Amino acid sequence: MGRRSDHSRAELEELILSTGSTLIAETGLAGFSAREVARRIGYSIGTIHNVFGTADRLVAAINTRSFKDWAASLRERLNAVGPDGDRIAALVDGYFGFAREHPHLWTAIFDHRLPPDGGLTEADETGRALLTRIVVEEIARAVGCEVDDEVAALSRSLIATVHGHCSFAISGAWALMGEAAPEAAALARVREALSAWDVCLTQS
């Protein structure tokens, strides 16, 4: 029988999230099971549904947790290089670093899809926005501009560029094409884009 009164709702939520995150880190999204999470924490599957509603909602919450951890890791790398260090290199390294260190959690972020009638909660959207906000702020700093729609659009494009390189690296596709340094290649593409942006600013 499940331990129905051992934890408050907030404690249960944290227990389920941490256990679910550990399970995805071990097995990947394909091996994830809400029932296995319930078994590991000693509660019934009904408890999972009572707290998160559905297994999809639970995975979404786990992915939001991963986004927050990723953002914190990125912030640590930026703090390590300091205000005068190569912060663009730190951004790219932070992107690749989280994927290398937590490949299943990183892949689950992009592989999971909520059903059409189940969008993200406000809390999920806020948690996931942290990573993009860090990148936008750093790109604005790099090009010497205030954060605006154009800088945000540039940042999203650069994230897509780095993500593509990182995804190919994690899947092994880069190795098949003979690319031995995908992170360096991603950084080079980012620097090229920022240099082109600087030229546009100078000419405008």
Protein backbone atom coordinates (compact mmCIF):
# COMPACT_ATOMS: atom_id res chain seq x y z
CA MET A 1 0.00 0.00 0.00
CA GLY A 2 1.27 3.49 -0.84
CA ARG A 3 2.48 5.89 1.82
CA ARG A 4 -0.55 8.14 1.43
CA SER A 5 0.13 10.53 4.31
CA ASP A 6 3.92 10.61 4.54
CA HIS A 7 4.38 13.83 2.58
CA SER A 8 2.68 17.14 1.96
CA ARG A 9 1.59 17.92 -1.60
CA ALA A 10 4.65 20.13 -2.12
CA GLU A 11 6.93 17.39 -0.80
CA LEU A 12 5.23 14.84 -3.01
CA GLU A 13 5.67 17.04 -6.06
CA GLU A 14 9.39 17.39 -5.39
CA LEU A 15 9.77 13.66 -4.69
CA ILE A 16 7.99 12.73 -7.91
CA LEU A 17 9.96 15.26 -9.97
CA SER A 18 13.35 14.25 -8.61
CA THR A 19 12.59 10.54 -9.02
CA GLY A 20 11.18 11.06 -12.50
CA SER A 21 14.22 13.09 -13.50
CA THR A 22 16.51 10.33 -12.26
CA LEU A 23 14.52 7.74 -14.22
CA ILE A 24 14.76 9.69 -17.49
CA ALA A 25 18.47 10.25 -16.89
CA GLU A 26 18.87 6.48 -16.56
CA THR A 27 16.58 5.18 -19.30
CA GLY A 28 15.80 8.07 -21.63
CA LEU A 29 12.29 9.20 -22.52
CA ALA A 30 11.55 5.91 -24.30
CA GLY A 31 12.06 4.00 -21.06
CA PHE A 32 10.13 6.41 -18.86
CA SER A 33 7.04 5.18 -17.01
CA ALA A 34 4.93 7.08 -14.51
CA ARG A 35 4.09 3.72 -12.97
CA GLU A 36 7.80 3.07 -12.39
CA VAL A 37 8.13 6.48 -10.73
CA ALA A 38 5.24 5.56 -8.44
CA ARG A 39 6.86 2.21 -7.63
CA ARG A 40 10.17 3.85 -6.76
CA ILE A 41 8.62 6.36 -4.37
CA GLY A 42 6.25 3.83 -2.81
CA TYR A 43 3.00 5.45 -3.88
CA SER A 44 0.22 4.36 -6.19
CA ILE A 45 -0.02 5.57 -9.79
CA GLY A 46 -3.13 7.44 -8.70
CA THR A 47 -0.94 9.71 -6.58
CA ILE A 48 1.04 10.71 -9.68
CA HIS A 49 -2.20 11.58 -11.44
CA ASN A 50 -3.51 13.49 -8.44
CA VAL A 51 -0.40 15.67 -8.34
CA PHE A 52 0.36 16.13 -12.06
CA GLY A 53 -2.82 15.08 -13.84
CA THR A 54 -1.25 12.92 -16.55
CA ALA A 55 2.05 11.26 -17.38
CA ASP A 56 2.55 13.86 -20.13
CA ARG A 57 2.18 16.65 -17.59
CA LEU A 58 4.73 14.95 -15.38
CA VAL A 59 7.24 14.68 -18.23
CA ALA A 60 6.64 18.34 -19.09
CA ALA A 61 7.36 19.30 -15.48
CA ILE A 62 10.52 17.17 -15.45
CA ASN A 63 11.66 18.87 -18.65
CA THR A 64 11.02 22.27 -17.09
CA ARG A 65 13.18 21.19 -14.16
CA SER A 66 15.90 20.24 -16.66
CA PHE A 67 15.62 23.67 -18.28
CA LYS A 68 16.11 25.31 -14.89
CA ASP A 69 19.14 23.14 -14.11
CA TRP A 70 20.54 23.91 -17.56
CA ALA A 71 20.08 27.65 -17.04
CA ALA A 72 21.79 27.43 -13.65
CA SER A 73 24.70 25.53 -15.22
CA LEU A 74 24.98 28.16 -17.94
CA ARG A 75 25.00 30.93 -15.36
CA GLU A 76 27.78 29.16 -13.46
CA ARG A 77 29.93 29.04 -16.60
CA LEU A 78 29.34 32.73 -17.25
CA ASN A 79 30.22 33.60 -13.66
CA ALA A 80 33.39 31.54 -13.96
CA VAL A 81 34.70 33.51 -16.96
CA GLY A 82 33.69 36.85 -15.41
CA PRO A 83 32.66 40.09 -17.12
CA ASP A 84 35.85 40.35 -19.20
CA GLY A 85 36.11 36.71 -20.25
CA ASP A 86 34.93 35.04 -23.45
CA ARG A 87 31.27 34.88 -22.55
CA ILE A 88 30.14 33.78 -26.01
CA ALA A 89 32.43 30.75 -25.78
CA ALA A 90 31.01 30.11 -22.31
CA LEU A 91 27.48 30.14 -23.72
CA VAL A 92 28.32 27.59 -26.40
CA ASP A 93 30.27 25.48 -23.93
CA GLY A 94 27.33 25.59 -21.53
CA TYR A 95 24.93 24.46 -24.23
CA PHE A 96 27.09 21.51 -25.24
CA GLY A 97 28.14 20.80 -21.66
CA PHE A 98 24.64 20.12 -20.35
CA ALA A 99 23.87 17.88 -23.33
CA ARG A 100 27.09 15.91 -22.85
CA GLU A 101 26.62 15.53 -19.10
CA HIS A 102 22.88 14.74 -19.22
CA PRO A 103 22.18 13.33 -22.70
CA HIS A 104 18.88 11.62 -21.86
CA LEU A 105 17.49 14.62 -19.99
CA TRP A 106 18.61 16.96 -22.78
CA THR A 107 17.09 14.79 -25.50
CA ALA A 108 13.82 14.41 -23.57
CA ILE A 109 13.37 18.19 -23.58
CA PHE A 110 13.11 18.21 -27.36
CA ASP A 111 11.56 14.78 -27.99
CA HIS A 112 8.54 15.11 -25.72
CA ARG A 113 5.34 16.56 -27.15
CA LEU A 114 2.24 17.43 -25.18
CA PRO A 115 -1.09 16.46 -26.79
CA PRO A 116 -2.79 19.23 -28.81
CA ASP A 117 -5.28 19.95 -26.03
CA GLY A 118 -2.62 20.21 -23.32
CA GLY A 119 -0.40 23.28 -23.47
CA LEU A 120 2.32 24.20 -21.00
CA THR A 121 1.37 25.69 -17.67
CA GLU A 122 2.40 29.25 -16.86
CA ALA A 123 4.97 27.88 -14.41
CA ASP A 124 6.46 25.67 -17.13
CA GLU A 125 6.68 28.55 -19.60
CA THR A 126 8.35 30.77 -17.00
CA GLY A 127 10.86 28.09 -16.05
CA ARG A 128 11.76 27.32 -19.65
CA ALA A 129 12.22 30.99 -20.53
CA LEU A 130 15.17 31.33 -18.13
CA LEU A 131 17.66 29.79 -20.54
CA THR A 132 16.63 31.92 -23.51
CA ARG A 133 16.67 35.05 -21.36
CA ILE A 134 20.29 34.41 -20.39
CA VAL A 135 21.28 33.97 -24.04
CA VAL A 136 19.41 37.10 -25.16
CA GLU A 137 21.07 39.19 -22.46
CA GLU A 138 24.52 37.91 -23.39
CA ILE A 139 24.00 38.44 -27.11
CA ALA A 140 22.82 42.00 -26.44
CA ARG A 141 25.94 42.53 -24.37
CA ALA A 142 28.16 41.10 -27.12
CA VAL A 143 26.76 43.37 -29.85
CA GLY A 144 26.53 46.41 -27.59
CA CYS A 145 22.77 46.83 -27.89
CA GLU A 146 19.80 46.96 -25.58
CA VAL A 147 17.57 43.91 -25.50
CA ASP A 148 14.92 44.40 -28.18
CA ASP A 149 12.97 42.33 -30.69
CA GLU A 150 15.84 42.24 -33.19
CA VAL A 151 18.36 41.07 -30.61
CA ALA A 152 15.87 38.47 -29.38
CA ALA A 153 15.36 37.21 -32.95
CA LEU A 154 19.13 37.04 -33.50
CA SER A 155 19.51 35.12 -30.24
CA ARG A 156 16.88 32.57 -31.22
CA SER A 157 18.63 32.00 -34.55
CA LEU A 158 21.95 31.50 -32.80
CA ILE A 159 20.37 29.07 -30.34
CA ALA A 160 19.02 27.12 -33.33
CA THR A 161 22.48 27.08 -34.90
CA VAL A 162 24.17 25.80 -31.76
CA HIS A 163 21.36 23.33 -31.12
CA GLY A 164 21.75 21.81 -34.56
CA HIS A 165 25.47 21.32 -34.04
CA CYS A 166 24.89 19.93 -30.56
CA SER A 167 22.13 17.57 -31.67
CA PHE A 168 24.33 16.16 -34.43
CA ALA A 169 27.17 15.75 -31.93
CA ILE A 170 25.03 13.88 -29.40
CA SER A 171 23.52 11.61 -32.07
CA GLY A 172 26.91 10.86 -33.64
CA ALA A 173 25.93 12.39 -36.99
CA TRP A 174 28.89 14.78 -36.95
CA ALA A 175 31.32 11.89 -36.57
CA LEU A 176 29.79 10.20 -39.61
CA MET A 177 30.53 13.37 -41.61
CA GLY A 178 34.09 13.51 -40.35
CA GLU A 179 33.64 16.54 -38.08
CA ALA A 180 35.88 16.10 -35.04
CA ALA A 181 35.12 19.38 -33.25
CA PRO A 182 31.40 20.23 -33.47
CA GLU A 183 31.50 22.63 -30.52
CA ALA A 184 34.30 24.64 -32.13
CA ALA A 185 32.34 24.66 -35.40
CA ALA A 186 29.24 25.94 -33.60
CA LEU A 187 31.24 28.68 -31.89
CA ALA A 188 32.75 29.72 -35.22
CA ARG A 189 29.29 30.05 -36.79
CA VAL A 190 28.09 32.14 -33.85
CA ARG A 191 31.10 34.44 -34.08
CA GLU A 192 30.52 34.86 -37.83
CA ALA A 193 26.90 35.84 -37.23
CA LEU A 194 27.86 38.33 -34.53
CA SER A 195 30.54 39.84 -36.77
CA ALA A 196 28.00 40.25 -39.57
CA TRP A 197 25.61 41.88 -37.10
CA ASP A 198 28.34 44.34 -36.08
CA VAL A 199 28.87 45.25 -39.74
CA CYS A 200 25.15 45.87 -40.17
CA LEU A 201 25.12 48.12 -37.11
CA THR A 202 28.11 50.08 -38.43
CA GLN A 203 26.47 50.59 -41.82
CA SER A 204 23.05 51.55 -40.46
